[in-house]
Amino acid sequence: MLKGQAQEPRVVVPRIAKYGIGQIVKHRFYPFRGVIYDVDPVFNNTDAWYNAIPAAMRPRKDQPFYHLYAENEKGPYEAYVSEQNLLPDSEGGAIKHPMIAQIFGEQIVEGCYRPRPQTIQKLFN
């Protein structure tokens, strides 16, 4: 680029999410599992949250990030995880989080919870 020439703005093109709403996943490194209830096409959290991750493990921001109802040995909580740090869950069991019953049905089909009909209606109204 020539000196004094304006730089082209960098355009971030979101990738298509690999995982879907209701899918049960696990973290690649940490011992927890969760069910996805929302997806951001690219990072959409605070800089403080991002910078709290050790630099060696910090994920790229230009990938989908998932909101999870998660559980570990200490109990239920919510997590925000990059796509590169998730894997499909192979345990196949239910996730014990109180919000799941409000949004999803109890039955797990092919590793996914299905949203309740009233949840789908709220999304489209």
C-alpha atoms as a PDB file:
ATOM      1  CA  MET A   1       0.000   0.000   0.000  1.00  0.00           C
ATOM      2  CA  LEU A   2       1.283   3.453  -0.827  1.00  0.00           C
ATOM      3  CA  LYS A   3       1.965   5.947   1.942  1.00  0.00           C
ATOM      4  CA  GLY A   4      -1.036   8.216   2.515  1.00  0.00           C
ATOM      5  CA  GLN A   5      -3.426   5.865   0.725  1.00  0.00           C
ATOM      6  CA  ALA A   6      -6.600   5.000   2.640  1.00  0.00           C
ATOM      7  CA  GLN A   7      -6.938   1.437   3.867  1.00  0.00           C
ATOM      8  CA  GLU A   8      -9.895  -0.609   2.742  1.00  0.00           C
ATOM      9  CA  PRO A   9     -12.253  -1.295   5.667  1.00  0.00           C
ATOM     10  CA  ARG A  10     -11.977  -4.861   6.938  1.00  0.00           C
ATOM     11  CA  VAL A  11     -15.207  -6.736   6.500  1.00  0.00           C
ATOM     12  CA  VAL A  12     -15.889  -9.659   8.810  1.00  0.00           C
ATOM     13  CA  VAL A  13     -18.043 -12.249   7.105  1.00  0.00           C
ATOM     14  CA  PRO A  14     -19.764 -14.443   9.700  1.00  0.00           C
ATOM     15  CA  ARG A  15     -19.450 -18.172   9.214  1.00  0.00           C
ATOM     16  CA  ILE A  16     -22.467 -20.407   9.261  1.00  0.00           C
ATOM     17  CA  ALA A  17     -22.895 -21.890  12.725  1.00  0.00           C
ATOM     18  CA  LYS A  18     -21.859 -25.527  13.007  1.00  0.00           C
ATOM     19  CA  TYR A  19     -24.206 -26.233  15.948  1.00  0.00           C
ATOM     20  CA  GLY A  20     -27.885 -25.425  16.379  1.00  0.00           C
ATOM     21  CA  ILE A  21     -30.392 -24.338  18.997  1.00  0.00           C
ATOM     22  CA  GLY A  22     -31.215 -27.239  21.308  1.00  0.00           C
ATOM     23  CA  GLN A  23     -28.081 -29.224  20.486  1.00  0.00           C
ATOM     24  CA  ILE A  24     -26.176 -30.777  23.372  1.00  0.00           C
ATOM     25  CA  VAL A  25     -22.456 -30.033  23.261  1.00  0.00           C
ATOM     26  CA  LYS A  26     -19.408 -30.290  25.495  1.00  0.00           C
ATOM     27  CA  HIS A  27     -16.363 -28.101  25.940  1.00  0.00           C
ATOM     28  CA  ARG A  28     -13.197 -29.216  24.199  1.00  0.00           C
ATOM     29  CA  PHE A  29     -10.950 -28.562  27.244  1.00  0.00           C
ATOM     30  CA  TYR A  30     -13.111 -28.007  30.338  1.00  0.00           C
ATOM     31  CA  PRO A  31     -15.363 -30.637  31.939  1.00  0.00           C
ATOM     32  CA  PHE A  32     -18.826 -29.290  31.206  1.00  0.00           C
ATOM     33  CA  ARG A  33     -21.746 -29.991  28.912  1.00  0.00           C
ATOM     34  CA  GLY A  34     -24.589 -27.763  27.823  1.00  0.00           C
ATOM     35  CA  VAL A  35     -27.529 -27.145  25.536  1.00  0.00           C
ATOM     36  CA  ILE A  36     -27.374 -24.260  23.054  1.00  0.00           C
ATOM     37  CA  TYR A  37     -30.110 -21.668  23.464  1.00  0.00           C
ATOM     38  CA  ASP A  38     -28.724 -18.845  21.306  1.00  0.00           C
ATOM     39  CA  VAL A  39     -25.967 -18.195  18.753  1.00  0.00           C
ATOM     40  CA  ASP A  40     -24.014 -15.032  17.940  1.00  0.00           C
ATOM     41  CA  PRO A  41     -22.531 -15.123  14.396  1.00  0.00           C
ATOM     42  CA  VAL A  42     -19.361 -13.449  15.758  1.00  0.00           C
ATOM     43  CA  PHE A  43     -18.115 -12.494  19.231  1.00  0.00           C
ATOM     44  CA  ASN A  44     -20.645 -10.281  21.025  1.00  0.00           C
ATOM     45  CA  ASN A  45     -19.505  -9.986  24.647  1.00  0.00           C
ATOM     46  CA  THR A  46     -17.416  -7.490  26.597  1.00  0.00           C
ATOM     47  CA  ASP A  47     -13.715  -6.854  26.140  1.00  0.00           C
ATOM     48  CA  ALA A  48     -13.278  -7.566  29.861  1.00  0.00           C
ATOM     49  CA  TRP A  49     -14.780 -11.047  29.383  1.00  0.00           C
ATOM     50  CA  TYR A  50     -12.570 -11.693  26.358  1.00  0.00           C
ATOM     51  CA  ASN A  51      -9.385 -10.418  27.985  1.00  0.00           C
ATOM     52  CA  ALA A  52      -9.981 -12.577  31.075  1.00  0.00           C
ATOM     53  CA  ILE A  53      -9.264 -15.633  28.920  1.00  0.00           C
ATOM     54  CA  PRO A  54      -5.571 -16.588  29.029  1.00  0.00           C
ATOM     55  CA  ALA A  55      -3.931 -15.301  25.827  1.00  0.00           C
ATOM     56  CA  ALA A  56      -2.747 -18.778  24.823  1.00  0.00           C
ATOM     57  CA  MET A  57      -6.360 -20.054  24.875  1.00  0.00           C
ATOM     58  CA  ARG A  58      -8.142 -16.919  23.621  1.00  0.00           C
ATOM     59  CA  PRO A  59     -10.408 -17.799  20.662  1.00  0.00           C
ATOM     60  CA  ARG A  60     -10.747 -15.796  17.478  1.00  0.00           C
ATOM     61  CA  LYS A  61     -13.622 -13.312  17.486  1.00  0.00           C
ATOM     62  CA  ASP A  62     -14.662 -13.983  13.869  1.00  0.00           C
ATOM     63  CA  GLN A  63     -16.490 -17.236  14.531  1.00  0.00           C
ATOM     64  CA  PRO A  64     -19.862 -18.187  16.005  1.00  0.00           C
ATOM     65  CA  PHE A  65     -20.192 -17.962  19.792  1.00  0.00           C
ATOM     66  CA  TYR A  66     -22.824 -20.000  21.610  1.00  0.00           C
ATOM     67  CA  HIS A  67     -24.936 -19.284  24.688  1.00  0.00           C
ATOM     68  CA  LEU A  68     -25.348 -22.480  26.704  1.00  0.00           C
ATOM     69  CA  TYR A  69     -27.389 -23.696  29.623  1.00  0.00           C
ATOM     70  CA  ALA A  70     -24.501 -25.639  31.065  1.00  0.00           C
ATOM     71  CA  GLU A  71     -23.705 -28.004  33.905  1.00  0.00           C
ATOM     72  CA  ASN A  72     -20.556 -29.250  35.579  1.00  0.00           C
ATOM     73  CA  GLU A  73     -19.829 -31.051  38.865  1.00  0.00           C
ATOM     74  CA  LYS A  74     -20.745 -27.863  40.797  1.00  0.00           C
ATOM     75  CA  GLY A  75     -24.173 -27.530  39.172  1.00  0.00           C
ATOM     76  CA  PRO A  76     -25.982 -25.501  36.494  1.00  0.00           C
ATOM     77  CA  TYR A  77     -24.861 -22.165  35.061  1.00  0.00           C
ATOM     78  CA  GLU A  78     -24.779 -20.246  31.771  1.00  0.00           C
ATOM     79  CA  ALA A  79     -21.742 -20.252  29.481  1.00  0.00           C
ATOM     80  CA  TYR A  80     -20.590 -18.334  26.406  1.00  0.00           C
ATOM     81  CA  VAL A  81     -18.316 -20.472  24.236  1.00  0.00           C
ATOM     82  CA  SER A  82     -16.598 -20.102  20.869  1.00  0.00           C
ATOM     83  CA  GLU A  83     -17.313 -22.665  18.175  1.00  0.00           C
ATOM     84  CA  GLN A  84     -13.664 -23.823  18.131  1.00  0.00           C
ATOM     85  CA  ASN A  85     -14.017 -24.909  21.781  1.00  0.00           C
ATOM     86  CA  LEU A  86     -17.136 -27.032  21.369  1.00  0.00           C
ATOM     87  CA  LEU A  87     -17.642 -30.648  20.387  1.00  0.00           C
ATOM     88  CA  PRO A  88     -20.821 -32.671  19.896  1.00  0.00           C
ATOM     89  CA  ASP A  89     -21.733 -34.419  23.147  1.00  0.00           C
ATOM     90  CA  SER A  90     -21.461 -38.195  23.105  1.00  0.00           C
ATOM     91  CA  GLU A  91     -22.866 -38.883  26.602  1.00  0.00           C
ATOM     92  CA  GLY A  92     -26.436 -38.583  25.380  1.00  0.00           C
ATOM     93  CA  GLY A  93     -27.947 -37.796  28.773  1.00  0.00           C
ATOM     94  CA  ALA A  94     -30.083 -34.861  29.848  1.00  0.00           C
ATOM     95  CA  ILE A  95     -28.623 -31.533  30.970  1.00  0.00           C
ATOM     96  CA  LYS A  96     -29.739 -30.553  34.469  1.00  0.00           C
ATOM     97  CA  HIS A  97     -30.445 -26.822  34.178  1.00  0.00           C
ATOM     98  CA  PRO A  98     -33.715 -25.214  35.358  1.00  0.00           C
ATOM     99  CA  MET A  99     -34.149 -23.062  32.227  1.00  0.00           C
ATOM    100  CA  ILE A 100     -34.262 -26.052  29.890  1.00  0.00           C
ATOM    101  CA  ALA A 101     -37.767 -27.033  30.998  1.00  0.00           C
ATOM    102  CA  GLN A 102     -39.049 -23.522  30.219  1.00  0.00           C
ATOM    103  CA  ILE A 103     -37.726 -23.423  26.653  1.00  0.00           C
ATOM    104  CA  PHE A 104     -37.318 -26.999  25.513  1.00  0.00           C
ATOM    105  CA  GLY A 105     -39.271 -30.223  25.797  1.00  0.00           C
ATOM    106  CA  GLU A 106     -37.955 -33.012  27.990  1.00  0.00           C
ATOM    107  CA  GLN A 107     -37.293 -35.477  25.188  1.00  0.00           C
ATOM    108  CA  ILE A 108     -33.869 -35.583  23.556  1.00  0.00           C
ATOM    109  CA  VAL A 109     -33.908 -36.580  19.875  1.00  0.00           C
ATOM    110  CA  GLU A 110     -30.568 -37.293  18.148  1.00  0.00           C
ATOM    111  CA  GLY A 111     -28.578 -35.239  20.676  1.00  0.00           C
ATOM    112  CA  CYS A 112     -30.951 -32.255  20.639  1.00  0.00           C
ATOM    113  CA  TYR A 113     -33.726 -30.815  22.728  1.00  0.00           C
ATOM    114  CA  ARG A 114     -36.664 -29.557  20.687  1.00  0.00           C
ATOM    115  CA  PRO A 115     -38.059 -26.086  21.517  1.00  0.00           C
ATOM    116  CA  ARG A 116     -41.546 -26.054  23.016  1.00  0.00           C
ATOM    117  CA  PRO A 117     -44.229 -24.818  20.564  1.00  0.00           C
ATOM    118  CA  GLN A 118     -44.890 -21.706  22.698  1.00  0.00           C
ATOM    119  CA  THR A 119     -41.167 -20.840  22.544  1.00  0.00           C
ATOM    120  CA  ILE A 120     -41.244 -20.992  18.734  1.00  0.00           C
ATOM    121  CA  GLN A 121     -44.357 -18.780  18.680  1.00  0.00           C
ATOM    122  CA  LYS A 122     -42.604 -16.142  20.833  1.00  0.00           C
ATOM    123  CA  LEU A 123     -39.677 -16.067  18.427  1.00  0.00           C
ATOM    124  CA  PHE A 124     -41.879 -15.300  15.432  1.00  0.00           C
ATOM    125  CA  ASN A 125     -44.407 -12.910  17.031  1.00  0.00           C
END
